[in-house]
């Protein structure tokens, strides 16, 4: 083959490789778009197809992890995250996903260790990424009961990226646990101005209610319901918060269950199972509620709200031992839900003492 033909084939080959890479990037971007639209099943199908074609692409495994996490396929998510680490040990996207999985599996310290390694590998110039990681570190410390450490980390996140919505929300949750409800309101209001989503409005409404600003809370809840219903039929929605609104604030149990049944038909992650269980409970279906919430807890998650719900459902089922166990686990953690667990737990303890006196 002469030199001119050889050069021609080199050019053609390079062009073909470039086109293939561009197509792959386009398809990965399509998976990310589907994830953003909460079309998790479709995202998973496309990510699997890409993984079959290109089995050594680290970020395709990341997309597999993300879709499986949202659908509640935790074993599959763990496998794909491990592949990320196998292919590129210590890479930051894999460490972030590892931290999330370890938290879900109940390993809070292991989760913190992984996210700390991710933070150490993040250059100071990547301020948004550093804020995101610091926020997750703060969340982990807060969830484990260390409010002081959580506050420092969340303040660092806001110093790196002022008005970062997740950090504002995280710090507001710390203030709620500290019963500084007025300060929590200010932070939630600031977050809602930056990120005016229905779910953020719901948490603001709860804080307003706890701060004793009932007329403002009522107005915020009503606006939340209006906004949430507009998107309820879409997969990118605020349905889990809408379930809790109907169950705990509007006292419309049938509506809570209707929304929950729709959401559980799409996904089976821990938090959707919890919301579904709570909707079943407020409708008097406690045997089924207990099955759903124990399925969520079987993953290993240590979450104050889920433990609180599990304790209340177990009490309704007449299981005193499980009631006490779950309420204790909630009370040992750190949130407004932990506080709600302490009163019924104290009542159980007092009741046991009264019985032993006889």
Protein backbone atom coordinates (compact mmCIF):
# COMPACT_ATOMS: atom_id res chain seq x y z
CA UNK A 1 0.00 0.00 0.00
CA UNK A 2 1.46 3.40 -0.95
CA UNK A 3 2.08 6.11 1.60
CA UNK A 4 -0.84 8.27 0.46
CA UNK A 5 -3.31 5.40 0.91
CA UNK A 6 -1.83 4.53 4.30
CA UNK A 7 -2.24 8.12 5.46
CA UNK A 8 -5.82 8.11 4.16
CA UNK A 9 -6.72 4.99 6.16
CA UNK A 10 -5.12 6.46 9.30
CA UNK A 11 -7.29 9.55 8.93
CA UNK A 12 -10.41 7.46 8.36
CA UNK A 13 -9.62 5.25 11.39
CA UNK A 14 -9.02 8.27 13.62
CA UNK A 15 -12.28 9.79 12.48
CA UNK A 16 -14.16 6.56 13.23
CA UNK A 17 -12.66 6.33 16.72
CA UNK A 18 -13.54 9.96 17.39
CA UNK A 19 -17.10 9.41 16.23
CA UNK A 20 -17.46 6.33 18.44
CA UNK A 21 -16.21 8.27 21.47
CA UNK A 22 -18.57 11.15 20.71
CA UNK A 23 -21.49 8.74 20.41
CA UNK A 24 -20.59 7.10 23.71
CA UNK A 25 -20.39 10.47 25.46
CA UNK A 26 -23.77 11.40 23.97
CA UNK A 27 -25.34 8.18 25.21
CA UNK A 28 -23.85 8.60 28.69
CA UNK A 29 -25.26 12.12 28.74
CA UNK A 30 -28.63 10.63 27.79
CA UNK A 31 -28.46 8.32 30.84
CA UNK A 32 -27.72 11.34 33.04
CA UNK A 33 -30.69 13.18 31.54
CA UNK A 34 -32.95 10.22 32.27
CA UNK A 35 -31.65 10.18 35.85
CA UNK A 36 -32.40 13.89 36.23
CA UNK A 37 -35.92 13.22 34.97
CA UNK A 38 -36.22 10.36 37.52
CA UNK A 39 -36.71 7.85 34.70
CA UNK A 40 -34.56 5.42 36.66
CA UNK A 41 -35.67 2.18 35.01
CA UNK A 42 -35.03 3.58 31.52
CA UNK A 43 -31.67 4.97 32.69
CA UNK A 44 -30.71 1.57 34.06
CA UNK A 45 -31.63 -0.20 30.81
CA UNK A 46 -29.53 2.20 28.74
CA UNK A 47 -26.60 2.05 31.18
CA UNK A 48 -26.66 -1.76 31.01
CA UNK A 49 -26.57 -1.65 27.21
CA UNK A 50 -23.62 0.76 27.28
CA UNK A 51 -21.82 -1.37 29.85
CA UNK A 52 -22.21 -4.42 27.62
CA UNK A 53 -20.64 -2.52 24.71
CA UNK A 54 -17.88 -0.83 26.74
CA UNK A 55 -17.24 -2.98 29.83
CA UNK A 56 -14.18 -1.03 31.02
CA UNK A 57 -15.69 2.47 31.24
CA UNK A 58 -15.58 3.59 34.87
CA UNK A 59 -18.32 6.18 34.64
CA UNK A 60 -20.78 3.79 33.00
CA UNK A 61 -20.45 1.73 36.19
CA UNK A 62 -21.16 4.96 38.07
CA UNK A 63 -24.37 5.41 36.11
CA UNK A 64 -25.33 1.80 36.84
CA UNK A 65 -24.75 2.48 40.53
CA UNK A 66 -26.86 5.62 40.53
CA UNK A 67 -29.83 4.04 38.76
CA UNK A 68 -29.74 0.93 40.94
CA UNK A 69 -29.57 3.04 44.11
CA UNK A 70 -32.67 4.98 43.16
CA UNK A 71 -34.56 1.80 42.36
CA UNK A 72 -33.52 0.09 45.59
CA UNK A 73 -31.26 -2.50 43.91
CA UNK A 74 -28.55 -2.16 46.54
CA UNK A 75 -26.59 -5.36 45.85
CA UNK A 76 -26.31 -4.45 42.19
CA UNK A 77 -25.25 -0.91 43.14
CA UNK A 78 -22.53 -2.32 45.39
CA UNK A 79 -21.24 -4.56 42.59
CA UNK A 80 -20.98 -1.72 40.06
CA UNK A 81 -19.27 0.55 42.59
CA UNK A 82 -16.73 -2.17 43.29
CA UNK A 83 -16.04 -2.36 39.57
CA UNK A 84 -15.35 1.39 39.57
CA UNK A 85 -12.75 0.87 42.29
CA UNK A 86 -11.29 -2.19 40.57
CA UNK A 87 -10.81 -0.35 37.29
CA UNK A 88 -9.46 2.84 38.85
CA UNK A 89 -8.55 2.44 42.53
CA UNK A 90 -9.28 5.45 44.70
CA UNK A 91 -11.15 7.46 42.08
CA UNK A 92 -13.33 10.18 43.55
CA UNK A 93 -16.70 9.32 41.93
CA UNK A 94 -16.37 5.76 43.24
CA UNK A 95 -15.45 6.93 46.74
CA UNK A 96 -18.51 9.19 46.89
CA UNK A 97 -20.76 6.31 45.87
CA UNK A 98 -18.99 3.99 48.31
CA UNK A 99 -19.75 6.43 51.12
CA UNK A 100 -23.43 6.51 50.22
CA UNK A 101 -23.67 2.73 50.08
CA UNK A 102 -21.87 2.30 53.39
CA UNK A 103 -24.32 4.69 55.02
CA UNK A 104 -27.25 2.72 53.62
CA UNK A 105 -25.69 -0.49 54.92
CA UNK A 106 -25.35 1.01 58.41
CA UNK A 107 -21.58 1.64 58.40
CA UNK A 108 -21.48 5.34 59.32
CA UNK A 109 -17.75 5.44 60.11
CA UNK A 110 -16.87 3.57 56.93
CA UNK A 111 -19.02 6.03 54.99
CA UNK A 112 -17.22 8.98 56.58
CA UNK A 113 -13.81 7.45 55.85
CA UNK A 114 -14.67 7.06 52.16
CA UNK A 115 -16.11 10.57 51.76
CA UNK A 116 -13.13 12.06 53.59
CA UNK A 117 -10.80 10.38 51.07
CA UNK A 118 -12.91 11.87 48.28
CA UNK A 119 -12.57 15.31 49.86
CA UNK A 120 -8.80 14.99 50.16
CA UNK A 121 -8.58 14.25 46.43
CA UNK A 122 -10.67 17.30 45.45
CA UNK A 123 -8.60 20.36 44.38
CA UNK A 124 -9.35 23.65 46.19
CA UNK A 125 -10.34 25.19 42.85
CA UNK A 126 -13.35 22.84 42.61
CA UNK A 127 -15.37 24.83 45.13
CA UNK A 128 -18.80 23.42 44.23
CA UNK A 129 -17.55 19.84 44.48
CA UNK A 130 -15.85 20.55 47.79
CA UNK A 131 -19.06 22.10 49.13
CA UNK A 132 -21.01 19.03 48.04
CA UNK A 133 -18.58 16.65 49.75
CA UNK A 134 -18.36 18.74 52.92
CA UNK A 135 -22.16 18.77 53.07
CA UNK A 136 -22.22 14.98 52.88
CA UNK A 137 -19.57 14.80 55.61
CA UNK A 138 -21.72 17.09 57.75
CA UNK A 139 -24.78 14.95 57.10
CA UNK A 140 -22.94 11.81 58.21
CA UNK A 141 -21.71 13.42 61.41
CA UNK A 142 -25.17 14.80 62.16
CA UNK A 143 -26.89 11.49 61.48
CA UNK A 144 -24.46 9.82 63.89
CA UNK A 145 -25.36 12.27 66.65
CA UNK A 146 -22.44 14.71 66.48
CA UNK A 147 -24.11 18.09 65.92
CA UNK A 148 -21.01 20.14 66.68
CA UNK A 149 -18.88 18.40 64.06
CA UNK A 150 -21.76 18.55 61.60
CA UNK A 151 -22.17 22.28 62.09
CA UNK A 152 -18.48 22.98 61.47
CA UNK A 153 -18.46 20.95 58.27
CA UNK A 154 -21.63 22.58 56.97
CA UNK A 155 -20.25 26.04 57.72
CA UNK A 156 -17.12 25.06 55.77
CA UNK A 157 -19.32 24.02 52.87
CA UNK A 158 -21.08 27.39 52.88
CA UNK A 159 -17.73 29.19 53.08
CA UNK A 160 -16.64 27.29 49.97
CA UNK A 161 -19.92 27.91 48.14
CA UNK A 162 -22.25 30.49 49.74
CA UNK A 163 -25.95 29.66 49.33
CA UNK A 164 -25.20 26.04 48.44
CA UNK A 165 -28.74 24.61 48.85
CA UNK A 166 -27.87 21.25 50.39
CA UNK A 167 -25.57 22.85 52.95
CA UNK A 168 -28.26 25.37 53.89
CA UNK A 169 -30.74 22.52 54.34
CA UNK A 170 -28.25 20.48 56.35
CA UNK A 171 -27.49 23.36 58.69
CA UNK A 172 -31.23 24.01 59.08
CA UNK A 173 -31.69 20.39 60.16
CA UNK A 174 -28.99 20.87 62.79
CA UNK A 175 -30.84 23.95 64.07
CA UNK A 176 -34.08 21.94 64.20
CA UNK A 177 -32.41 19.28 66.34
CA UNK A 178 -31.10 22.07 68.60
CA UNK A 179 -34.69 23.40 68.84
CA UNK A 180 -33.53 26.68 67.31
CA UNK A 181 -36.57 26.72 65.08
CA UNK A 182 -36.41 30.42 64.20
CA UNK A 183 -32.86 30.02 62.90
CA UNK A 184 -33.94 26.92 60.98
CA UNK A 185 -36.72 28.93 59.33
CA UNK A 186 -34.23 31.56 58.13
CA UNK A 187 -31.98 28.89 56.61
CA UNK A 188 -34.86 27.04 54.97
CA UNK A 189 -36.16 30.34 53.56
CA UNK A 190 -32.71 31.10 52.16
CA UNK A 191 -32.57 27.65 50.56
CA UNK A 192 -36.04 28.01 49.05
CA UNK A 193 -35.07 31.33 47.46
CA UNK A 194 -32.07 29.63 45.84
CA UNK A 195 -33.85 26.36 44.99
CA UNK A 196 -37.65 26.92 44.89
CA UNK A 197 -38.69 23.27 44.79
CA UNK A 198 -41.82 21.88 46.47
CA UNK A 199 -39.84 19.57 48.75
CA UNK A 200 -37.84 22.51 50.07
CA UNK A 201 -41.06 24.41 50.75
CA UNK A 202 -42.41 21.44 52.73
CA UNK A 203 -39.44 21.49 55.12
CA UNK A 204 -39.81 25.25 55.50
CA UNK A 205 -43.49 24.76 56.39
CA UNK A 206 -42.57 22.19 59.06
CA UNK A 207 -40.00 24.56 60.56
CA UNK A 208 -42.53 27.42 60.60
CA UNK A 209 -44.99 25.19 62.44
CA UNK A 210 -42.40 24.20 65.06
CA UNK A 211 -41.44 27.86 65.44
CA UNK A 212 -45.07 28.61 66.37
CA UNK A 213 -45.71 30.62 63.20
CA UNK A 214 -48.86 28.68 62.44
CA UNK A 215 -50.54 30.98 59.93
CA UNK A 216 -47.36 31.15 57.85
CA UNK A 217 -46.96 27.37 58.14
CA UNK A 218 -50.53 26.79 56.97
CA UNK A 219 -49.98 29.00 53.96
CA UNK A 220 -46.67 27.28 53.12
CA UNK A 221 -48.22 23.82 53.41
CA UNK A 222 -51.08 24.84 51.11
CA UNK A 223 -48.65 26.19 48.53
CA UNK A 224 -46.54 23.04 48.86
CA UNK A 225 -49.57 20.86 48.14
CA UNK A 226 -50.46 22.90 45.06
CA UNK A 227 -46.93 22.70 43.68
CA UNK A 228 -46.44 19.02 44.55
CA UNK A 229 -49.70 17.96 42.92
CA UNK A 230 -48.69 19.67 39.67
CA UNK A 231 -45.72 17.32 39.36
CA UNK A 232 -47.11 14.29 41.18
CA UNK A 233 -47.90 12.33 38.02
CA UNK A 234 -44.34 12.78 36.75
CA UNK A 235 -41.50 10.65 38.00
CA UNK A 236 -39.52 13.75 38.97
CA UNK A 237 -41.75 14.68 41.86
CA UNK A 238 -42.06 15.45 45.57
CA UNK A 239 -44.33 12.50 46.24
CA UNK A 240 -42.59 11.20 49.35
CA UNK A 241 -43.04 14.54 51.09
CA UNK A 242 -46.58 14.74 49.74
CA UNK A 243 -47.30 11.38 51.39
CA UNK A 244 -46.09 12.69 54.74
CA UNK A 245 -48.04 15.90 54.28
CA UNK A 246 -51.29 14.01 53.76
CA UNK A 247 -50.50 11.55 56.57
CA UNK A 248 -49.21 13.91 59.26
CA UNK A 249 -50.50 17.40 58.53
CA UNK A 250 -53.60 17.30 56.31
CA UNK A 251 -54.85 14.08 57.97
CA UNK A 252 -56.03 12.66 54.67
CA UNK A 253 -54.86 9.03 54.96
CA UNK A 254 -56.59 7.76 51.84
CA UNK A 255 -54.84 10.40 49.74
CA UNK A 256 -51.49 9.54 51.35
CA UNK A 257 -51.93 5.89 50.39
CA UNK A 258 -52.99 6.75 46.84
CA UNK A 259 -49.79 8.73 46.27
CA UNK A 260 -47.68 6.08 48.02
CA UNK A 261 -49.06 3.29 45.86
CA UNK A 262 -48.20 5.27 42.75
CA UNK A 263 -44.64 5.92 43.95
CA UNK A 264 -43.95 2.35 45.11
CA UNK A 265 -44.94 1.11 41.64
CA UNK A 266 -41.95 3.02 40.26
CA UNK A 267 -39.19 2.45 42.83
CA UNK A 268 -38.40 0.39 45.94
CA UNK A 269 -35.59 2.32 47.61
CA UNK A 270 -35.42 2.59 51.41
CA UNK A 271 -37.04 6.01 51.64
CA UNK A 272 -39.96 5.12 49.37
CA UNK A 273 -40.55 1.94 51.39
CA UNK A 274 -40.64 4.06 54.55
CA UNK A 275 -43.17 6.51 53.06
CA UNK A 276 -45.30 3.63 51.77
CA UNK A 277 -45.19 1.92 55.19
CA UNK A 278 -46.29 5.13 56.89
CA UNK A 279 -49.18 5.57 54.46
CA UNK A 280 -50.28 2.01 55.17
CA UNK A 281 -50.03 2.66 58.91
CA UNK A 282 -52.22 5.75 58.91
CA UNK A 283 -54.78 3.71 56.97
CA UNK A 284 -54.80 1.02 59.66
CA UNK A 285 -52.93 -1.56 57.57
CA UNK A 286 -50.22 -2.18 60.16
CA UNK A 287 -49.31 -5.77 59.28
CA UNK A 288 -48.44 -4.71 55.73
CA UNK A 289 -46.84 -1.50 57.02
CA UNK A 290 -44.54 -3.49 59.28
CA UNK A 291 -43.49 -5.74 56.42
CA UNK A 292 -42.54 -2.75 54.26
CA UNK A 293 -40.63 -0.86 56.93
CA UNK A 294 -38.72 -3.93 58.04
CA UNK A 295 -37.74 -4.52 54.41
CA UNK A 296 -36.27 -1.01 54.43
CA UNK A 297 -34.44 -1.53 57.73
CA UNK A 298 -33.06 -4.90 56.60
CA UNK A 299 -30.67 -3.05 54.28
CA UNK A 300 -28.93 -1.72 57.40
CA UNK A 301 -29.88 1.95 57.34
CA UNK A 302 -29.72 3.84 60.63
CA UNK A 303 -32.17 6.68 60.15
CA UNK A 304 -34.00 8.40 63.01
CA UNK A 305 -37.22 8.95 61.05
CA UNK A 306 -37.42 5.36 59.79
CA UNK A 307 -36.70 4.00 63.28
CA UNK A 308 -39.42 6.25 64.71
CA UNK A 309 -41.94 5.02 62.16
CA UNK A 310 -40.90 1.40 62.79
CA UNK A 311 -41.39 1.88 66.53
CA UNK A 312 -44.85 3.38 66.17
CA UNK A 313 -45.92 0.67 63.71
CA UNK A 314 -44.57 -2.07 66.01
CA UNK A 315 -46.47 -0.55 68.96
CA UNK A 316 -49.68 -0.62 66.95
CA UNK A 317 -48.94 -4.28 66.18
CA UNK A 318 -48.60 -5.02 69.92
CA UNK A 319 -44.89 -5.88 69.79
CA UNK A 320 -43.51 -4.12 72.87
CA UNK A 321 -39.94 -5.39 72.51
CA UNK A 322 -39.65 -4.20 68.90
CA UNK A 323 -41.32 -0.90 69.81
CA UNK A 324 -38.77 -0.20 72.52
CA UNK A 325 -35.84 -1.31 70.33
CA UNK A 326 -36.78 0.90 67.39
CA UNK A 327 -37.61 3.95 69.51
CA UNK A 328 -34.30 3.64 71.35
CA UNK A 329 -32.45 3.48 68.04
CA UNK A 330 -34.24 6.62 66.88
CA UNK A 331 -33.64 8.47 70.16
CA UNK A 332 -29.89 7.69 70.02
CA UNK A 333 -29.56 9.52 66.71
CA UNK A 334 -29.88 13.21 66.04
CA UNK A 335 -32.89 14.91 64.46
CA UNK A 336 -36.33 16.25 65.27
CA UNK A 337 -37.51 12.66 64.74
CA UNK A 338 -35.19 11.51 67.54
CA UNK A 339 -36.89 14.02 69.81
CA UNK A 340 -40.30 12.65 68.82
CA UNK A 341 -39.11 9.14 69.72
CA UNK A 342 -38.06 10.12 73.26
CA UNK A 343 -41.56 10.85 74.59
CA UNK A 344 -43.18 7.50 73.72
CA UNK A 345 -39.96 5.76 74.80
CA UNK A 346 -40.16 7.46 78.20
CA UNK A 347 -43.79 6.36 78.43
CA UNK A 348 -42.81 2.75 77.78
CA UNK A 349 -40.11 2.92 80.44
CA UNK A 350 -42.49 4.44 82.97
CA UNK A 351 -45.09 1.79 82.20
CA UNK A 352 -42.54 -0.99 82.73
CA UNK A 353 -41.52 0.50 86.07
CA UNK A 354 -45.13 0.76 87.20
CA UNK A 355 -45.76 -2.88 86.39
CA UNK A 356 -42.59 -4.02 88.18
CA UNK A 357 -43.73 -2.14 91.32
CA UNK A 358 -46.63 -4.57 91.63
